[in-house]
Amino acid sequence: MRLSTWRMRTLRLQSIHLLSGLLLMLCSLTACQNGPGRPAATSNEVTSASMKPTITLYRLDGDAGRQPDVEDTFHEWDILGTRIITDPDRQQDMMTDLQAGIDDPDARQMRCFIPRHGIRRQQENGQTLDYVICFQCGSYHLYRNDERAGGGTIGPVDFLRSFPRTDKHTR
């Protein structure tokens, strides 16, 4: 027996509504997991949840200069936008591109250092590697666990070209 086109559309819409409702219920249950009668997460749970490797891209306001007395900065540079990358394959591609930029034999360093890009790599063990990058002068500063650990010259890094330029703080 063949169903009419109208009946098939109705069944599809009902299925979509049912799945949407189930998804909404699941999301609300997840958001309210620490409701009455349920203990808050232990410090071990918080630590293990936050130790997933991530890469955070920062769009910085290098024109404003260092902001040492302002909160919500990335190594004293004002943050205009962020994007968090959690996909391991994408992270690997990004780090490969970043290393290619650092290893670029044609990179030349000037002296301006007006960074407009930042990258934080949070590793599984909780360690962080931060790169504050100025492509205008072709240089970067490297920080390991918020301590200056070096720097040098850097050439173009392809994945940063897709970083949005119009959004404000996206934290």
Protein backbone atom coordinates (compact mmCIF):
# COMPACT_ATOMS: atom_id res chain seq x y z
CA MET A 1 0.00 0.00 0.00
CA ARG A 2 1.48 3.37 -1.03
CA LEU A 3 1.03 6.45 1.18
CA SER A 4 -0.01 9.72 -0.39
CA THR A 5 2.50 12.55 -0.61
CA TRP A 6 0.42 14.61 1.82
CA ARG A 7 0.37 11.77 4.38
CA MET A 8 4.16 11.26 4.06
CA ARG A 9 4.76 14.98 4.69
CA THR A 10 2.49 14.85 7.73
CA LEU A 11 4.39 11.86 9.13
CA ARG A 12 7.74 13.59 8.55
CA LEU A 13 6.55 16.73 10.33
CA GLN A 14 5.22 14.69 13.25
CA SER A 15 8.56 12.88 13.49
CA ILE A 16 10.46 16.16 13.45
CA HIS A 17 8.22 17.61 16.17
CA LEU A 18 8.66 14.50 18.30
CA LEU A 19 12.45 14.54 17.91
CA SER A 20 12.56 18.28 18.64
CA GLY A 21 10.55 17.78 21.81
CA LEU A 22 12.81 14.95 22.97
CA LEU A 23 15.89 17.04 22.24
CA LEU A 24 14.45 19.98 24.16
CA MET A 25 13.69 17.73 27.15
CA LEU A 26 17.19 16.29 27.08
CA CYS A 27 18.75 19.76 26.95
CA SER A 28 16.65 21.01 29.85
CA LEU A 29 17.52 17.95 31.93
CA THR A 30 21.21 18.46 31.22
CA ALA A 31 21.05 22.16 32.09
CA CYS A 32 19.30 21.45 35.40
CA GLN A 33 21.43 18.52 36.49
CA ASN A 34 22.39 20.18 39.78
CA GLY A 35 18.80 20.81 40.82
CA PRO A 36 17.34 20.09 44.29
CA GLY A 37 18.54 16.88 45.88
CA ARG A 38 21.54 16.58 43.64
CA PRO A 39 25.04 17.48 44.85
CA ALA A 40 27.19 20.01 43.02
CA ALA A 41 30.10 18.70 40.96
CA THR A 42 33.21 17.80 42.92
CA SER A 43 36.50 19.49 42.16
CA ASN A 44 37.73 16.28 40.47
CA GLU A 45 34.72 16.28 38.13
CA VAL A 46 35.28 19.94 37.25
CA THR A 47 38.99 19.37 36.69
CA SER A 48 38.51 16.32 34.49
CA ALA A 49 35.80 18.08 32.45
CA SER A 50 38.00 21.14 31.88
CA MET A 51 41.04 19.13 30.85
CA LYS A 52 39.77 18.26 27.39
CA PRO A 53 42.24 19.61 24.85
CA THR A 54 40.94 22.80 23.24
CA ILE A 55 42.21 25.61 21.11
CA THR A 56 40.84 29.11 21.62
CA LEU A 57 41.35 31.72 18.93
CA TYR A 58 41.41 35.36 20.02
CA ARG A 59 40.89 38.46 17.95
CA LEU A 60 42.86 41.18 19.75
CA ASP A 61 42.79 44.96 19.69
CA GLY A 62 46.47 45.67 19.16
CA ASP A 63 45.73 49.30 18.32
CA ALA A 64 44.59 49.96 21.91
CA GLY A 65 48.03 49.02 23.23
CA ARG A 66 48.74 46.89 26.27
CA GLN A 67 46.08 46.99 28.97
CA PRO A 68 47.91 45.77 32.10
CA ASP A 69 45.29 47.02 34.56
CA VAL A 70 42.23 45.74 32.70
CA GLU A 71 40.53 42.40 33.31
CA ASP A 72 39.43 40.13 30.46
CA THR A 73 42.59 40.51 28.40
CA PHE A 74 44.85 38.00 26.69
CA HIS A 75 48.36 38.70 27.97
CA GLU A 76 47.42 42.34 28.49
CA TRP A 77 45.83 42.79 25.03
CA ASP A 78 42.11 43.63 24.80
CA ILE A 79 39.97 40.78 23.42
CA LEU A 80 37.54 41.63 20.62
CA GLY A 81 36.30 38.10 19.92
CA THR A 82 36.93 34.44 20.60
CA ARG A 83 36.25 31.07 19.01
CA ILE A 84 36.78 27.73 20.76
CA ILE A 85 37.82 24.73 18.67
CA THR A 86 37.21 21.29 20.22
CA ASP A 87 37.41 19.00 17.17
CA PRO A 88 40.73 17.08 17.46
CA ASP A 89 41.26 16.87 13.68
CA ARG A 90 40.68 20.60 13.24
CA GLN A 91 43.01 21.30 16.18
CA GLN A 92 45.76 19.20 14.60
CA ASP A 93 45.35 21.00 11.26
CA MET A 94 45.53 24.37 13.02
CA MET A 95 48.67 23.51 14.96
CA THR A 96 50.29 22.20 11.77
CA ASP A 97 49.44 25.49 9.99
CA LEU A 98 50.75 27.49 12.95
CA GLN A 99 54.03 25.57 12.99
CA ALA A 100 54.39 26.09 9.23
CA GLY A 101 54.01 29.84 9.81
CA ILE A 102 56.65 29.76 12.56
CA ASP A 103 59.00 27.69 10.38
CA ASP A 104 58.50 29.94 7.32
CA PRO A 105 62.02 30.77 6.07
CA ASP A 106 60.75 33.94 4.35
CA ALA A 107 59.26 35.45 7.52
CA ARG A 108 60.82 38.81 8.41
CA GLN A 109 60.43 40.52 11.76
CA MET A 110 59.86 44.25 12.12
CA ARG A 111 59.47 46.11 15.39
CA CYS A 112 55.87 47.32 15.70
CA PHE A 113 54.26 44.39 17.60
CA ILE A 114 50.60 45.36 17.40
CA PRO A 115 49.04 41.90 17.82
CA ARG A 116 45.62 41.20 16.40
CA HIS A 117 45.59 37.43 16.91
CA GLY A 118 46.04 35.09 19.84
CA ILE A 119 45.91 31.33 20.18
CA ARG A 120 45.61 29.34 23.41
CA ARG A 121 46.20 25.61 23.31
CA GLN A 122 44.86 23.91 26.45
CA GLN A 123 46.44 20.48 26.69
CA GLU A 124 44.99 17.39 28.39
CA ASN A 125 47.39 17.74 31.31
CA GLY A 126 46.16 21.28 32.03
CA GLN A 127 49.21 23.01 30.57
CA THR A 128 48.62 25.98 28.26
CA LEU A 129 50.59 27.30 25.31
CA ASP A 130 49.66 30.82 24.24
CA TYR A 131 50.73 32.61 21.08
CA VAL A 132 50.24 36.39 20.78
CA ILE A 133 50.74 37.18 17.09
CA CYS A 134 51.39 40.33 15.07
CA PHE A 135 51.36 39.56 11.35
CA GLN A 136 52.00 43.23 10.57
CA CYS A 137 55.55 42.91 11.88
CA GLY A 138 55.82 39.12 11.48
CA SER A 139 56.48 38.25 15.11
CA TYR A 140 54.90 36.31 17.95
CA HIS A 141 55.34 35.91 21.69
CA LEU A 142 55.04 32.45 23.24
CA TYR A 143 53.72 31.91 26.77
CA ARG A 144 53.77 28.59 28.62
CA ASN A 145 51.30 28.54 31.53
CA ASP A 146 51.05 32.35 31.44
CA GLU A 147 54.84 32.82 31.68
CA ARG A 148 56.75 34.28 28.75
CA ALA A 149 58.68 31.41 27.14
CA GLY A 150 60.04 32.89 23.92
CA GLY A 151 58.88 34.00 20.51
CA GLY A 152 60.24 34.80 17.12
CA THR A 153 59.22 35.37 13.51
CA ILE A 154 56.08 34.05 11.88
CA GLY A 155 54.77 33.94 8.33
CA PRO A 156 51.16 33.64 7.13
CA VAL A 157 48.85 31.19 8.94
CA ASP A 158 45.95 30.16 6.70
CA PHE A 159 43.30 29.19 9.26
CA LEU A 160 43.30 32.65 10.87
CA ARG A 161 41.89 34.16 7.67
CA SER A 162 38.48 32.63 8.43
CA PHE A 163 38.27 34.20 11.89
CA PRO A 164 35.29 36.58 12.07
CA ARG A 165 36.01 40.30 12.08
CA THR A 166 32.59 41.73 12.91
CA ASP A 167 31.56 40.13 16.21
CA LYS A 168 32.16 41.60 19.63
CA HIS A 169 33.01 39.53 22.69
CA THR A 170 31.82 36.00 21.99
CA ARG A 171 32.77 34.45 25.28
